[in-house]
Amino acid sequence: AVEMSAFVFHLAMADETKVLEGQTAPSRAYDDPVEGRAAELVAQRAQPVLTHHSLPMRQYMDEQIVPILLPALNAVAAERPADPVEWLAYYLLKNNPHTQAA
């Protein structure tokens, strides 16, 4: 932990040197520059790629469900069939973009 703190402190001081040379403005997000630099290093680590299982619900719905379901609901509203649920199910099966065309 002491070695990591020294490394982070060195990086923070290097950033302060750049500021003095006029290269970048100092960050004031953290009162302690060492803590701020450590937070930056954590934020810059590679993040795992999100799969559809790990997406937030809203993002999953917006990406996977709405683009398919909204046109289907518009079509069922325009058609107004006697059995809208069955009609919608058939429409979704017929217009499924995830199946290969036969």
N, C-alpha and C. Protein backbone atom coordinates (compact mmCIF):
# COMPACT_ATOMS: atom_id res chain seq x y z
N ALA A 1 0.82 -1.19 0.00
CA ALA A 1 0.00 0.00 0.00
C ALA A 1 0.86 1.26 0.00
N VAL A 2 2.01 1.20 0.71
CA VAL A 2 2.89 2.35 0.78
C VAL A 2 3.50 2.61 -0.59
N GLU A 3 3.91 1.52 -1.31
CA GLU A 3 4.49 1.69 -2.64
C GLU A 3 3.48 2.30 -3.59
N MET A 4 2.23 1.84 -3.53
CA MET A 4 1.17 2.37 -4.40
C MET A 4 0.92 3.84 -4.10
N SER A 5 0.90 4.19 -2.81
CA SER A 5 0.69 5.59 -2.44
C SER A 5 1.81 6.47 -2.96
N ALA A 6 3.04 5.98 -2.88
CA ALA A 6 4.18 6.74 -3.38
C ALA A 6 4.07 6.92 -4.89
N PHE A 7 3.65 5.86 -5.58
CA PHE A 7 3.48 5.93 -7.03
C PHE A 7 2.39 6.94 -7.41
N VAL A 8 1.27 6.86 -6.72
CA VAL A 8 0.16 7.78 -6.98
C VAL A 8 0.58 9.20 -6.66
N PHE A 9 1.32 9.39 -5.56
CA PHE A 9 1.81 10.72 -5.20
C PHE A 9 2.73 11.25 -6.30
N HIS A 10 3.60 10.39 -6.82
CA HIS A 10 4.51 10.80 -7.89
C HIS A 10 3.71 11.25 -9.12
N LEU A 11 2.66 10.49 -9.47
CA LEU A 11 1.83 10.87 -10.61
C LEU A 11 1.13 12.20 -10.36
N ALA A 12 0.65 12.39 -9.15
CA ALA A 12 -0.03 13.64 -8.81
C ALA A 12 0.94 14.81 -8.91
N MET A 13 2.15 14.63 -8.45
CA MET A 13 3.15 15.69 -8.52
C MET A 13 3.53 15.98 -9.97
N ALA A 14 3.59 14.94 -10.81
CA ALA A 14 3.88 15.14 -12.23
C ALA A 14 2.79 15.99 -12.86
N ASP A 15 1.53 15.74 -12.47
CA ASP A 15 0.42 16.56 -12.98
C ASP A 15 0.56 18.00 -12.52
N GLU A 16 0.95 18.22 -11.27
CA GLU A 16 1.13 19.58 -10.76
C GLU A 16 2.25 20.29 -11.52
N THR A 17 3.32 19.56 -11.89
CA THR A 17 4.41 20.15 -12.67
C THR A 17 3.89 20.62 -14.03
N LYS A 18 3.06 19.81 -14.66
CA LYS A 18 2.47 20.20 -15.94
C LYS A 18 1.65 21.47 -15.79
N VAL A 19 0.95 21.58 -14.67
CA VAL A 19 0.14 22.77 -14.43
C VAL A 19 1.03 23.99 -14.34
N LEU A 20 2.14 23.85 -13.63
CA LEU A 20 3.05 24.98 -13.49
C LEU A 20 3.64 25.37 -14.83
N GLU A 21 3.80 24.40 -15.73
CA GLU A 21 4.34 24.69 -17.06
C GLU A 21 3.26 25.20 -18.01
N GLY A 22 2.01 25.30 -17.54
CA GLY A 22 0.92 25.82 -18.35
C GLY A 22 0.27 24.82 -19.28
N GLN A 23 0.49 23.52 -19.05
CA GLN A 23 -0.06 22.51 -19.95
C GLN A 23 -1.52 22.19 -19.66
N THR A 24 -1.88 22.08 -18.41
CA THR A 24 -3.26 21.76 -18.04
C THR A 24 -3.64 22.54 -16.79
N ALA A 25 -4.93 22.67 -16.57
CA ALA A 25 -5.42 23.35 -15.37
C ALA A 25 -5.50 22.33 -14.24
N PRO A 26 -5.24 22.73 -13.01
CA PRO A 26 -5.32 21.79 -11.90
C PRO A 26 -6.77 21.38 -11.63
N SER A 27 -6.91 20.13 -11.25
CA SER A 27 -8.23 19.62 -10.91
C SER A 27 -8.52 19.96 -9.46
N ARG A 28 -9.70 20.40 -9.18
CA ARG A 28 -10.10 20.72 -7.80
C ARG A 28 -11.25 19.83 -7.35
N ALA A 29 -11.40 18.67 -8.02
CA ALA A 29 -12.46 17.74 -7.66
C ALA A 29 -12.21 17.13 -6.28
N TYR A 30 -10.95 16.95 -5.93
CA TYR A 30 -10.56 16.41 -4.63
C TYR A 30 -9.64 17.41 -3.94
N ASP A 31 -9.82 17.57 -2.65
CA ASP A 31 -8.94 18.45 -1.88
C ASP A 31 -7.53 17.88 -1.83
N ASP A 32 -7.44 16.56 -1.75
CA ASP A 32 -6.16 15.87 -1.69
C ASP A 32 -5.78 15.41 -3.10
N PRO A 33 -4.73 15.95 -3.71
CA PRO A 33 -4.38 15.56 -5.09
C PRO A 33 -4.02 14.09 -5.22
N VAL A 34 -3.48 13.49 -4.18
CA VAL A 34 -3.14 12.06 -4.23
C VAL A 34 -4.42 11.24 -4.33
N GLU A 35 -5.41 11.59 -3.53
CA GLU A 35 -6.68 10.88 -3.58
C GLU A 35 -7.36 11.09 -4.93
N GLY A 36 -7.28 12.29 -5.46
CA GLY A 36 -7.87 12.58 -6.76
C GLY A 36 -7.21 11.80 -7.87
N ARG A 37 -5.90 11.71 -7.84
CA ARG A 37 -5.18 10.96 -8.88
C ARG A 37 -5.49 9.47 -8.76
N ALA A 38 -5.59 8.96 -7.53
CA ALA A 38 -5.94 7.56 -7.33
C ALA A 38 -7.33 7.28 -7.91
N ALA A 39 -8.26 8.20 -7.71
CA ALA A 39 -9.61 8.03 -8.26
C ALA A 39 -9.58 8.06 -9.78
N GLU A 40 -8.74 8.91 -10.37
CA GLU A 40 -8.61 8.95 -11.82
C GLU A 40 -8.07 7.64 -12.36
N LEU A 41 -7.08 7.07 -11.67
CA LEU A 41 -6.51 5.80 -12.11
C LEU A 41 -7.56 4.69 -12.07
N VAL A 42 -8.37 4.67 -11.04
CA VAL A 42 -9.43 3.67 -10.93
C VAL A 42 -10.44 3.86 -12.07
N ALA A 43 -10.79 5.10 -12.35
CA ALA A 43 -11.78 5.38 -13.40
C ALA A 43 -11.26 5.04 -14.79
N GLN A 44 -9.96 5.07 -14.98
CA GLN A 44 -9.38 4.80 -16.29
C GLN A 44 -9.11 3.33 -16.55
N ARG A 45 -9.32 2.49 -15.56
CA ARG A 45 -9.14 1.05 -15.76
C ARG A 45 -10.13 0.54 -16.79
N ALA A 46 -9.75 -0.50 -17.49
CA ALA A 46 -10.65 -1.11 -18.48
C ALA A 46 -11.89 -1.64 -17.79
N GLN A 47 -13.04 -1.32 -18.35
CA GLN A 47 -14.31 -1.76 -17.79
C GLN A 47 -14.81 -2.98 -18.58
N PRO A 48 -15.47 -3.92 -17.93
CA PRO A 48 -15.98 -5.08 -18.66
C PRO A 48 -17.08 -4.64 -19.63
N VAL A 49 -17.14 -5.34 -20.75
CA VAL A 49 -18.15 -5.05 -21.76
C VAL A 49 -19.51 -5.50 -21.24
N LEU A 50 -20.51 -4.64 -21.38
CA LEU A 50 -21.86 -5.00 -20.93
C LEU A 50 -22.52 -5.94 -21.93
N THR A 51 -23.10 -7.00 -21.43
CA THR A 51 -23.91 -7.88 -22.26
C THR A 51 -25.37 -7.52 -22.01
N HIS A 52 -26.26 -8.09 -22.81
CA HIS A 52 -27.67 -7.75 -22.59
C HIS A 52 -28.16 -8.22 -21.22
N HIS A 53 -27.45 -9.16 -20.61
CA HIS A 53 -27.83 -9.62 -19.27
C HIS A 53 -27.41 -8.63 -18.18
N SER A 54 -26.39 -7.84 -18.45
CA SER A 54 -25.89 -6.93 -17.43
C SER A 54 -26.30 -5.47 -17.66
N LEU A 55 -27.04 -5.21 -18.74
CA LEU A 55 -27.49 -3.84 -19.00
C LEU A 55 -28.54 -3.41 -17.97
N PRO A 56 -28.60 -2.15 -17.66
CA PRO A 56 -29.73 -1.66 -16.85
C PRO A 56 -31.04 -1.92 -17.61
N MET A 57 -32.11 -2.11 -16.87
CA MET A 57 -33.38 -2.49 -17.48
C MET A 57 -33.82 -1.50 -18.55
N ARG A 58 -33.74 -0.21 -18.26
CA ARG A 58 -34.18 0.81 -19.21
C ARG A 58 -33.39 0.74 -20.51
N GLN A 59 -32.07 0.59 -20.39
CA GLN A 59 -31.23 0.51 -21.58
C GLN A 59 -31.53 -0.76 -22.37
N TYR A 60 -31.74 -1.88 -21.68
CA TYR A 60 -32.09 -3.13 -22.35
C TYR A 60 -33.40 -2.98 -23.12
N MET A 61 -34.40 -2.39 -22.48
CA MET A 61 -35.69 -2.20 -23.14
C MET A 61 -35.55 -1.28 -24.36
N ASP A 62 -34.81 -0.19 -24.20
CA ASP A 62 -34.64 0.77 -25.31
C ASP A 62 -33.89 0.16 -26.48
N GLU A 63 -32.96 -0.73 -26.22
CA GLU A 63 -32.15 -1.31 -27.29
C GLU A 63 -32.74 -2.58 -27.89
N GLN A 64 -33.38 -3.41 -27.08
CA GLN A 64 -33.80 -4.72 -27.53
C GLN A 64 -35.30 -4.88 -27.77
N ILE A 65 -36.12 -4.21 -27.02
CA ILE A 65 -37.56 -4.46 -27.07
C ILE A 65 -38.30 -3.38 -27.85
N VAL A 66 -38.08 -2.13 -27.50
CA VAL A 66 -38.85 -1.03 -28.09
C VAL A 66 -38.74 -0.97 -29.62
N PRO A 67 -37.54 -1.12 -30.22
CA PRO A 67 -37.47 -1.03 -31.68
C PRO A 67 -38.29 -2.10 -32.41
N ILE A 68 -38.54 -3.21 -31.76
CA ILE A 68 -39.32 -4.29 -32.37
C ILE A 68 -40.80 -4.16 -32.00
N LEU A 69 -41.06 -3.86 -30.74
CA LEU A 69 -42.44 -3.85 -30.26
C LEU A 69 -43.23 -2.62 -30.69
N LEU A 70 -42.60 -1.47 -30.75
CA LEU A 70 -43.33 -0.25 -31.10
C LEU A 70 -43.96 -0.30 -32.49
N PRO A 71 -43.24 -0.71 -33.54
CA PRO A 71 -43.91 -0.83 -34.84
C PRO A 71 -45.04 -1.87 -34.82
N ALA A 72 -44.86 -2.93 -34.04
CA ALA A 72 -45.90 -3.95 -33.93
C ALA A 72 -47.15 -3.37 -33.26
N LEU A 73 -46.96 -2.59 -32.22
CA LEU A 73 -48.10 -1.98 -31.55
C LEU A 73 -48.79 -0.94 -32.44
N ASN A 74 -48.00 -0.20 -33.22
CA ASN A 74 -48.59 0.74 -34.17
C ASN A 74 -49.42 0.01 -35.21
N ALA A 75 -48.91 -1.13 -35.69
CA ALA A 75 -49.64 -1.91 -36.69
C ALA A 75 -50.93 -2.48 -36.12
N VAL A 76 -50.90 -2.99 -34.90
CA VAL A 76 -52.11 -3.55 -34.29
C VAL A 76 -53.13 -2.44 -34.02
N ALA A 77 -52.65 -1.25 -33.68
CA ALA A 77 -53.57 -0.13 -33.45
C ALA A 77 -54.22 0.30 -34.76
N ALA A 78 -53.47 0.27 -35.84
CA ALA A 78 -54.02 0.65 -37.14
C ALA A 78 -54.99 -0.41 -37.67
N GLU A 79 -54.66 -1.67 -37.45
CA GLU A 79 -55.47 -2.79 -37.96
C GLU A 79 -56.73 -3.02 -37.13
N ARG A 80 -56.61 -2.88 -35.82
CA ARG A 80 -57.70 -3.14 -34.86
C ARG A 80 -58.37 -4.50 -35.07
N PRO A 81 -57.59 -5.58 -34.96
CA PRO A 81 -58.16 -6.91 -35.17
C PRO A 81 -59.07 -7.33 -34.02
N ALA A 82 -59.88 -8.35 -34.27
CA ALA A 82 -60.81 -8.86 -33.25
C ALA A 82 -60.03 -9.47 -32.08
N ASP A 83 -58.94 -10.16 -32.37
CA ASP A 83 -58.09 -10.74 -31.32
C ASP A 83 -56.71 -10.09 -31.40
N PRO A 84 -56.52 -8.94 -30.74
CA PRO A 84 -55.27 -8.20 -30.90
C PRO A 84 -54.04 -8.94 -30.36
N VAL A 85 -54.20 -9.75 -29.33
CA VAL A 85 -53.05 -10.46 -28.77
C VAL A 85 -52.53 -11.50 -29.76
N GLU A 86 -53.44 -12.26 -30.33
CA GLU A 86 -53.05 -13.26 -31.33
C GLU A 86 -52.46 -12.58 -32.56
N TRP A 87 -53.06 -11.49 -33.01
CA TRP A 87 -52.57 -10.76 -34.17
C TRP A 87 -51.16 -10.22 -33.90
N LEU A 88 -50.97 -9.68 -32.71
CA LEU A 88 -49.67 -9.15 -32.33
C LEU A 88 -48.62 -10.26 -32.28
N ALA A 89 -48.98 -11.41 -31.72
CA ALA A 89 -48.05 -12.53 -31.65
C ALA A 89 -47.64 -12.97 -33.06
N TYR A 90 -48.60 -13.07 -33.96
CA TYR A 90 -48.30 -13.46 -35.33
C TYR A 90 -47.42 -12.41 -36.01
N TYR A 91 -47.73 -11.14 -35.80
CA TYR A 91 -46.95 -10.05 -36.39
C TYR A 91 -45.50 -10.12 -35.92
N LEU A 92 -45.30 -10.33 -34.62
CA LEU A 92 -43.95 -10.39 -34.07
C LEU A 92 -43.19 -11.60 -34.61
N LEU A 93 -43.86 -12.75 -34.74
CA LEU A 93 -43.20 -13.92 -35.31
C LEU A 93 -42.83 -13.69 -36.78
N LYS A 94 -43.72 -13.08 -37.52
CA LYS A 94 -43.51 -12.84 -38.95
C LYS A 94 -42.43 -11.79 -39.18
N ASN A 95 -42.31 -10.81 -38.31
CA ASN A 95 -41.39 -9.69 -38.50
C ASN A 95 -40.21 -9.72 -37.53
N ASN A 96 -39.85 -10.89 -37.04
CA ASN A 96 -38.75 -11.02 -36.09
C ASN A 96 -37.42 -10.75 -36.80
N PRO A 97 -36.70 -9.68 -36.42
CA PRO A 97 -35.43 -9.39 -37.08
C PRO A 97 -34.30 -10.34 -36.68
N HIS A 98 -34.51 -11.17 -35.68
CA HIS A 98 -33.48 -12.08 -35.21
C HIS A 98 -33.52 -13.45 -35.86
N THR A 99 -34.48 -13.67 -36.77
CA THR A 99 -34.54 -14.94 -37.49
C THR A 99 -34.06 -14.72 -38.91
N GLN A 100 -33.52 -15.77 -39.48
CA GLN A 100 -33.04 -15.67 -40.86
C GLN A 100 -34.21 -15.81 -41.81
N ALA A 101 -34.15 -15.05 -42.91
CA ALA A 101 -35.20 -15.15 -43.93
C ALA A 101 -35.12 -16.50 -44.61
N ALA A 102 -36.28 -17.09 -44.79
CA ALA A 102 -36.31 -18.43 -45.41
C ALA A 102 -36.36 -18.34 -46.91
